[in-house]
Amino acid sequence: MLIRERLESAEQANLSAFAALSVNSAGRRRPEPPCPVRTCYQRDRDRIIHLCRAFRRLAHKTQVFISPREDHLRTRLSHTLEVAQIARTVAKALRLNEDLTEAIALAHDVGHTPYGHSGEAALDHAYRRYDPQACFSHQLHSLRVVEELERDGAGLNLTRETLRGITEHSKGEANLADVLAAGPSSSLEALVVSVSDRIAYLNHDLDDCLRAGLLTPDELPIEVASVLGSSHSARVGTMVTDLIEHSVNQPGLQMSPRVLKATDALKREMFESIYLRAELLEDAQKVNGIIGGLFDVYMATDTALRDSCGRVPTGHTQRARLVCDYIAGMTDRFATHQYSRHFLPSSFPY
């Protein structure tokens, strides 16, 4: 018996009835011979880590703070790793498929723009100016990255379960209570990643804000400290433990009303005090100028687009799609450099 087959047999013997089994995968868009050692979901995880250049660029993309001077604030990559760690802890405890869970978590943000959610909104606005029928969202672009853009257009050829999970993680400002009530869409593993994403960003964004002095513990809702805990590790531990304890042998995920209420109170506080803070909104306007300006340059100037992307599509819609893909893939520092190159004077002669 092959090692992969032993692993698949172990899944069938040990995982929950609600877990996604590797042997039941709907497969890949382009069929491939199975690996003798790894299950299909292990191969997905490995391809994201080893082959996905967009995954590596997450190290230089903003999580919340644009161009921070503090070296220890989270990046999009450290956020992704925290989501993966939380999701694997939950999946293991609930006897779900850890490999599928980890693959979804590692790829869930590979389509994120430079400058965080400000960059996402700015790119959506710029893209619509040139193609009113189009839109940009990072979760759908994450799918496009792994399916159509990586490996010079060949994509990573991930399993359908991983692809569906990538598109399901983002719930915006929805209360976690509503996310849990809706239940799993494609798999319980995908829902675990979605909830783990919420747990991770609320807690690490709060930790970053406390470190930066934008919030003090006294300013938090009373139930945050009294229910979730007074430290970063305590808050994460409370949420994760409560989620696991109320979801064992269940077809969905649940939390206790007490912890769920405190988690949603923390989410509201983060939006009101941080995400919609005047200083961050002011930075968002600057990001609009950078993203919109770059979009205009690449749409108007063949030389700039050819120098950057190597080609100039003949159709207006195709050109806008290429420009959107190119800008979305930029890191913060590369986008800033490109803006400086095209809009700021440089010394001459060189």
Protein backbone atom coordinates (compact mmCIF):
# COMPACT_ATOMS: atom_id res chain seq x y z
CA MET A 1 0.00 0.00 0.00
CA LEU A 2 1.28 3.45 -0.92
CA ILE A 3 1.94 6.02 1.81
CA ARG A 4 -0.80 8.21 0.34
CA GLU A 5 -3.25 5.34 0.52
CA ARG A 6 -2.36 4.71 4.17
CA LEU A 7 -2.98 8.39 4.90
CA GLU A 8 -6.34 8.26 3.12
CA SER A 9 -7.30 5.16 5.09
CA ALA A 10 -6.33 6.90 8.33
CA GLU A 11 -8.59 9.83 7.39
CA GLN A 12 -11.51 7.48 6.82
CA ALA A 13 -10.90 5.74 10.14
CA ASN A 14 -10.24 8.77 12.33
CA LEU A 15 -11.87 11.91 10.98
CA SER A 16 -15.31 13.18 11.84
CA ALA A 17 -18.34 12.27 9.75
CA PHE A 18 -18.47 15.97 8.83
CA ALA A 19 -14.88 16.14 7.56
CA ALA A 20 -13.87 16.42 3.91
CA LEU A 21 -12.01 13.23 3.01
CA SER A 22 -9.23 13.30 0.46
CA VAL A 23 -10.61 10.23 -1.34
CA ASN A 24 -13.90 12.08 -1.88
CA SER A 25 -12.33 15.14 -3.49
CA ALA A 26 -14.03 16.42 -6.64
CA GLY A 27 -10.56 16.62 -8.16
CA ARG A 28 -8.76 19.28 -10.16
CA ARG A 29 -9.68 21.18 -13.30
CA ARG A 30 -6.84 19.38 -15.08
CA PRO A 31 -6.64 15.77 -13.89
CA GLU A 32 -3.24 14.64 -12.62
CA PRO A 33 -1.82 11.29 -11.50
CA PRO A 34 -2.00 11.08 -7.68
CA CYS A 35 1.14 11.55 -5.63
CA PRO A 36 2.45 8.31 -4.07
CA VAL A 37 3.23 10.07 -0.77
CA ARG A 38 0.85 13.02 -0.29
CA THR A 39 -2.93 13.34 -0.31
CA CYS A 40 -4.49 15.79 -2.76
CA TYR A 41 -4.94 18.44 -0.07
CA GLN A 42 -1.33 18.09 1.08
CA ARG A 43 -0.27 18.78 -2.51
CA ASP A 44 -2.46 21.91 -2.54
CA ARG A 45 -0.78 23.20 0.61
CA ASP A 46 2.69 22.48 -0.74
CA ARG A 47 2.01 24.19 -4.06
CA ILE A 48 0.86 27.36 -2.31
CA ILE A 49 3.99 27.50 -0.15
CA HIS A 50 6.56 26.46 -2.75
CA LEU A 51 5.16 27.66 -6.09
CA CYS A 52 2.93 30.66 -5.37
CA ARG A 53 4.87 33.90 -5.77
CA ALA A 54 1.83 35.90 -4.64
CA PHE A 55 2.04 34.07 -1.31
CA ARG A 56 5.63 35.23 -0.81
CA ARG A 57 4.76 38.83 -1.68
CA LEU A 58 2.33 38.93 1.25
CA ALA A 59 5.36 39.62 3.47
CA HIS A 60 5.46 43.13 2.01
CA LYS A 61 1.75 43.95 1.99
CA THR A 62 -0.11 46.00 4.59
CA GLN A 63 -2.43 44.41 7.13
CA VAL A 64 -3.84 47.59 8.74
CA PHE A 65 -1.15 50.25 9.01
CA ILE A 66 0.32 51.72 5.83
CA SER A 67 4.11 52.28 5.91
CA PRO A 68 4.45 51.67 9.68
CA ARG A 69 7.64 52.67 11.48
CA GLU A 70 7.14 49.87 14.02
CA ASP A 71 8.86 46.68 12.82
CA HIS A 72 6.69 44.28 14.81
CA LEU A 73 3.28 45.15 13.38
CA ARG A 74 1.58 42.44 11.35
CA THR A 75 1.88 42.09 7.59
CA ARG A 76 -0.50 40.23 5.33
CA LEU A 77 1.81 37.20 5.52
CA SER A 78 2.01 37.09 9.32
CA HIS A 79 -1.78 37.44 9.37
CA THR A 80 -2.06 34.47 7.00
CA LEU A 81 0.18 32.33 9.21
CA GLU A 82 -1.85 33.22 12.30
CA VAL A 83 -5.07 32.27 10.50
CA ALA A 84 -3.53 28.95 9.44
CA GLN A 85 -2.36 28.19 12.98
CA ILE A 86 -5.76 28.90 14.54
CA ALA A 87 -7.59 27.03 11.80
CA ARG A 88 -5.41 23.95 12.18
CA THR A 89 -5.92 23.95 15.94
CA VAL A 90 -9.68 24.02 15.48
CA ALA A 91 -9.65 21.44 12.68
CA LYS A 92 -7.52 19.01 14.70
CA ALA A 93 -9.76 19.32 17.75
CA LEU A 94 -12.91 18.77 15.69
CA ARG A 95 -11.32 15.91 13.70
CA LEU A 96 -11.66 17.75 10.41
CA ASN A 97 -9.20 17.61 7.51
CA GLU A 98 -6.22 19.67 8.65
CA ASP A 99 -4.53 19.63 5.26
CA LEU A 100 -7.53 21.08 3.42
CA THR A 101 -8.00 23.61 6.21
CA GLU A 102 -4.37 24.71 6.02
CA ALA A 103 -4.40 24.95 2.21
CA ILE A 104 -7.45 27.23 2.26
CA ALA A 105 -5.96 29.37 5.03
CA LEU A 106 -2.59 29.82 3.32
CA ALA A 107 -4.20 30.90 0.03
CA HIS A 108 -7.11 32.93 1.36
CA ASP A 109 -5.40 36.33 0.97
CA VAL A 110 -3.01 35.80 -1.98
CA GLY A 111 -5.19 38.14 -4.08
CA HIS A 112 -4.90 41.06 -1.67
CA THR A 113 -3.79 44.41 -3.02
CA PRO A 114 -1.04 46.68 -1.74
CA TYR A 115 -2.10 48.99 1.12
CA GLY A 116 -4.62 46.57 2.64
CA HIS A 117 -8.36 47.13 2.38
CA SER A 118 -7.78 50.76 1.39
CA GLY A 119 -5.94 49.48 -1.66
CA GLU A 120 -8.72 47.00 -2.39
CA ALA A 121 -11.37 49.75 -2.40
CA ALA A 122 -9.14 52.04 -4.48
CA LEU A 123 -8.46 49.35 -7.08
CA ASP A 124 -12.14 48.47 -7.32
CA HIS A 125 -12.96 52.15 -7.95
CA ALA A 126 -10.20 52.59 -10.54
CA TYR A 127 -11.09 49.37 -12.37
CA ARG A 128 -14.77 50.31 -12.61
CA ARG A 129 -13.86 53.65 -14.22
CA TYR A 130 -12.45 51.79 -17.20
CA ASP A 131 -14.82 48.81 -17.16
CA PRO A 132 -18.18 49.62 -15.50
CA GLN A 133 -19.18 45.95 -15.65
CA ALA A 134 -16.14 44.87 -13.65
CA CYS A 135 -15.37 44.82 -9.95
CA PHE A 136 -12.49 43.85 -7.70
CA SER A 137 -12.63 41.89 -4.45
CA HIS A 138 -9.61 40.27 -2.89
CA GLN A 139 -11.26 36.90 -2.27
CA LEU A 140 -12.30 36.51 -5.91
CA HIS A 141 -8.92 37.75 -7.04
CA SER A 142 -7.26 35.17 -4.77
CA LEU A 143 -9.11 32.55 -6.79
CA ARG A 144 -7.94 34.18 -10.03
CA VAL A 145 -4.35 34.21 -8.78
CA VAL A 146 -4.18 30.49 -8.06
CA GLU A 147 -6.25 29.47 -11.09
CA GLU A 148 -5.07 31.78 -13.87
CA LEU A 149 -2.12 34.00 -12.95
CA GLU A 150 0.47 31.90 -11.12
CA ARG A 151 3.09 29.94 -13.06
CA ASP A 152 2.87 32.22 -16.10
CA GLY A 153 -0.85 31.64 -16.53
CA ALA A 154 -0.94 27.90 -15.89
CA GLY A 155 -2.21 28.32 -12.33
CA LEU A 156 -1.58 25.94 -9.45
CA ASN A 157 -4.34 23.49 -10.45
CA LEU A 158 -5.63 23.14 -6.89
CA THR A 159 -8.51 20.90 -5.87
CA ARG A 160 -12.04 22.21 -6.20
CA GLU A 161 -12.49 22.05 -2.41
CA THR A 162 -9.55 24.38 -1.81
CA LEU A 163 -10.73 26.75 -4.55
CA ARG A 164 -14.24 26.99 -3.12
CA GLY A 165 -12.87 27.56 0.37
CA ILE A 166 -10.73 30.47 -0.84
CA THR A 167 -13.79 32.37 -2.06
CA GLU A 168 -15.77 31.89 1.15
CA HIS A 169 -13.53 33.40 3.81
CA SER A 170 -14.44 37.10 3.66
CA LYS A 171 -17.53 38.26 5.54
CA GLY A 172 -16.71 41.97 5.85
CA GLU A 173 -18.50 43.69 8.69
CA ALA A 174 -21.01 40.88 9.30
CA ASN A 175 -21.41 39.84 12.91
CA LEU A 176 -19.79 36.52 13.70
CA ALA A 177 -23.16 35.36 15.02
CA ASP A 178 -24.57 35.70 11.49
CA VAL A 179 -21.61 33.89 9.95
CA LEU A 180 -22.05 30.94 12.30
CA ALA A 181 -25.82 30.89 11.82
CA ALA A 182 -25.40 30.64 8.05
CA GLY A 183 -23.37 27.47 8.46
CA PRO A 184 -20.90 25.90 6.03
CA SER A 185 -21.34 26.58 2.34
CA SER A 186 -18.95 24.13 0.70
CA SER A 187 -17.16 22.43 3.60
CA LEU A 188 -16.83 22.70 7.34
CA GLU A 189 -13.10 23.21 6.82
CA ALA A 190 -13.83 26.35 4.77
CA LEU A 191 -16.04 27.70 7.56
CA VAL A 192 -13.28 27.00 10.08
CA VAL A 193 -10.93 29.18 8.03
CA SER A 194 -13.52 31.95 7.76
CA VAL A 195 -14.06 32.02 11.53
CA SER A 196 -10.34 31.68 12.22
CA ASP A 197 -9.73 34.67 9.95
CA ARG A 198 -12.11 36.71 12.14
CA ILE A 199 -10.50 35.52 15.37
CA ALA A 200 -7.01 36.24 14.04
CA TYR A 201 -7.53 39.71 12.63
CA LEU A 202 -9.60 41.02 15.54
CA ASN A 203 -7.00 39.94 18.04
CA HIS A 204 -3.82 40.78 16.20
CA ASP A 205 -5.18 44.11 14.95
CA LEU A 206 -6.10 44.94 18.54
CA ASP A 207 -2.65 43.87 19.69
CA ASP A 208 -1.04 46.10 17.05
CA CYS A 209 -3.25 49.05 18.03
CA LEU A 210 -2.39 48.67 21.70
CA ARG A 211 1.30 48.49 20.79
CA ALA A 212 0.97 51.62 18.62
CA GLY A 213 -0.88 53.52 21.35
CA LEU A 214 -4.04 54.01 19.28
CA LEU A 215 -6.10 52.29 21.95
CA THR A 216 -5.68 51.66 25.66
CA PRO A 217 -7.15 48.65 27.48
CA ASP A 218 -9.48 50.99 29.37
CA GLU A 219 -11.14 52.06 26.12
CA LEU A 220 -12.29 48.54 25.21
CA PRO A 221 -15.87 47.38 25.86
CA ILE A 222 -16.19 45.95 29.36
CA GLU A 223 -17.00 42.44 28.12
CA VAL A 224 -13.78 42.20 26.12
CA ALA A 225 -11.60 41.99 29.22
CA SER A 226 -14.19 40.40 31.53
CA VAL A 227 -15.20 37.66 29.07
CA LEU A 228 -12.37 37.26 26.57
CA GLY A 229 -9.41 38.15 28.79
CA SER A 230 -6.95 40.97 29.37
CA SER A 231 -4.07 39.72 27.20
CA HIS A 232 -3.66 38.78 23.54
CA SER A 233 -3.07 35.09 24.26
CA ALA A 234 -6.00 34.96 26.70
CA ARG A 235 -8.42 36.47 24.17
CA VAL A 236 -7.36 34.12 21.38
CA GLY A 237 -7.45 31.16 23.76
CA THR A 238 -10.94 32.00 24.99
CA MET A 239 -12.39 32.33 21.49
CA VAL A 240 -10.72 29.19 20.12
CA THR A 241 -11.51 27.02 23.15
CA ASP A 242 -15.14 28.17 23.25
CA LEU A 243 -15.55 27.54 19.53
CA ILE A 244 -14.17 24.02 19.84
CA GLU A 245 -16.16 23.09 22.95
CA HIS A 246 -19.46 24.08 21.33
CA SER A 247 -18.74 22.55 17.91
CA VAL A 248 -17.61 18.99 18.68
CA ASN A 249 -19.54 16.43 16.58
CA GLN A 250 -21.67 19.17 15.04
CA PRO A 251 -22.33 19.79 11.31
CA GLY A 252 -21.60 23.48 11.82
CA LEU A 253 -19.69 25.77 14.16
CA GLN A 254 -21.03 27.32 17.35
CA MET A 255 -19.89 29.53 20.21
CA SER A 256 -21.48 30.28 23.54
CA PRO A 257 -23.76 33.35 23.54
CA ARG A 258 -21.50 35.03 26.09
CA VAL A 259 -18.28 34.71 24.07
CA LEU A 260 -20.04 35.37 20.77
CA LYS A 261 -21.49 38.63 22.11
CA ALA A 262 -18.08 39.75 23.40
CA THR A 263 -16.41 38.87 20.07
CA ASP A 264 -18.93 40.93 18.12
CA ALA A 265 -18.51 43.80 20.60
CA LEU A 266 -14.77 43.73 19.92
CA LYS A 267 -15.44 43.77 16.17
CA ARG A 268 -17.67 46.83 16.48
CA GLU A 269 -15.08 48.61 18.60
CA MET A 270 -12.34 47.90 16.06
CA PHE A 271 -14.40 49.30 13.21
CA GLU A 272 -15.50 52.38 15.12
CA SER A 273 -12.18 53.21 16.80
CA ILE A 274 -9.59 51.89 14.34
CA TYR A 275 -10.69 50.81 10.87
CA LEU A 276 -12.78 53.98 10.39
CA ARG A 277 -10.33 56.21 12.27
CA ALA A 278 -9.74 59.64 10.71
CA GLU A 279 -6.00 59.07 10.26
CA LEU A 280 -6.56 55.79 8.43
CA LEU A 281 -9.27 57.33 6.26
CA GLU A 282 -6.84 60.13 5.40
CA ASP A 283 -4.28 57.52 4.35
CA ALA A 284 -6.99 55.80 2.32
CA GLN A 285 -7.42 58.98 0.27
CA LYS A 286 -3.69 58.98 -0.45
CA VAL A 287 -3.94 55.34 -1.51
CA ASN A 288 -6.76 56.29 -3.87
CA GLY A 289 -4.41 58.75 -5.52
CA ILE A 290 -1.61 56.20 -5.88
CA ILE A 291 -3.74 53.33 -7.20
CA GLY A 292 -5.88 55.56 -9.42
CA GLY A 293 -2.83 57.36 -10.78
CA LEU A 294 -1.04 54.14 -11.66
CA PHE A 295 -4.16 52.74 -13.30
CA ASP A 296 -4.43 55.87 -15.47
CA VAL A 297 -0.77 55.68 -16.49
CA TYR A 298 -0.94 52.05 -17.56
CA MET A 299 -4.21 52.57 -19.41
CA ALA A 300 -2.94 55.64 -21.28
CA THR A 301 0.70 54.83 -21.99
CA ASP A 302 1.68 51.81 -24.05
CA THR A 303 5.35 52.15 -23.11
CA ALA A 304 4.64 52.11 -19.37
CA LEU A 305 2.40 49.04 -19.69
CA ARG A 306 4.81 47.18 -21.98
CA ASP A 307 7.75 47.93 -19.71
CA SER A 308 5.80 46.62 -16.73
CA CYS A 309 3.82 43.69 -18.14
CA GLY A 310 5.67 42.86 -21.33
CA ARG A 311 2.64 43.24 -23.56
CA VAL A 312 -0.20 45.58 -24.49
CA PRO A 313 -3.61 43.96 -25.10
CA THR A 314 -5.52 45.30 -28.12
CA GLY A 315 -8.94 45.51 -26.41
CA HIS A 316 -9.87 48.16 -23.84
CA THR A 317 -11.50 45.64 -21.48
CA GLN A 318 -8.58 43.22 -21.76
CA ARG A 319 -6.16 46.04 -21.04
CA ALA A 320 -8.08 47.10 -17.93
CA ARG A 321 -8.06 43.47 -16.73
CA LEU A 322 -4.29 43.25 -17.20
CA VAL A 323 -3.69 46.54 -15.41
CA CYS A 324 -5.92 45.45 -12.51
CA ASP A 325 -4.03 42.16 -12.20
CA TYR A 326 -0.68 43.93 -12.29
CA ILE A 327 -1.52 46.52 -9.63
CA ALA A 328 -3.19 43.95 -7.39
CA GLY A 329 0.01 41.92 -7.36
CA MET A 330 2.20 44.82 -6.25
CA THR A 331 3.66 45.05 -2.78
CA ASP A 332 3.28 48.32 -0.89
CA ARG A 333 6.84 49.40 -1.54
CA PHE A 334 6.75 48.50 -5.24
CA ALA A 335 3.50 50.44 -5.75
CA THR A 336 5.03 53.44 -3.99
CA HIS A 337 8.16 53.15 -6.13
CA GLN A 338 6.13 52.95 -9.35
CA TYR A 339 4.09 55.99 -8.35
CA SER A 340 7.28 57.94 -7.60
CA ARG A 341 8.74 56.86 -10.91
CA HIS A 342 5.77 58.09 -12.94
CA PHE A 343 4.64 61.13 -10.98
CA LEU A 344 7.56 62.59 -9.03
CA PRO A 345 10.51 64.42 -10.58
CA SER A 346 13.85 62.68 -10.61
CA SER A 347 17.35 64.08 -10.87
CA PHE A 348 18.64 64.63 -14.40
CA PRO A 349 21.04 63.77 -15.88
CA TYR A 350 21.08 60.33 -14.25
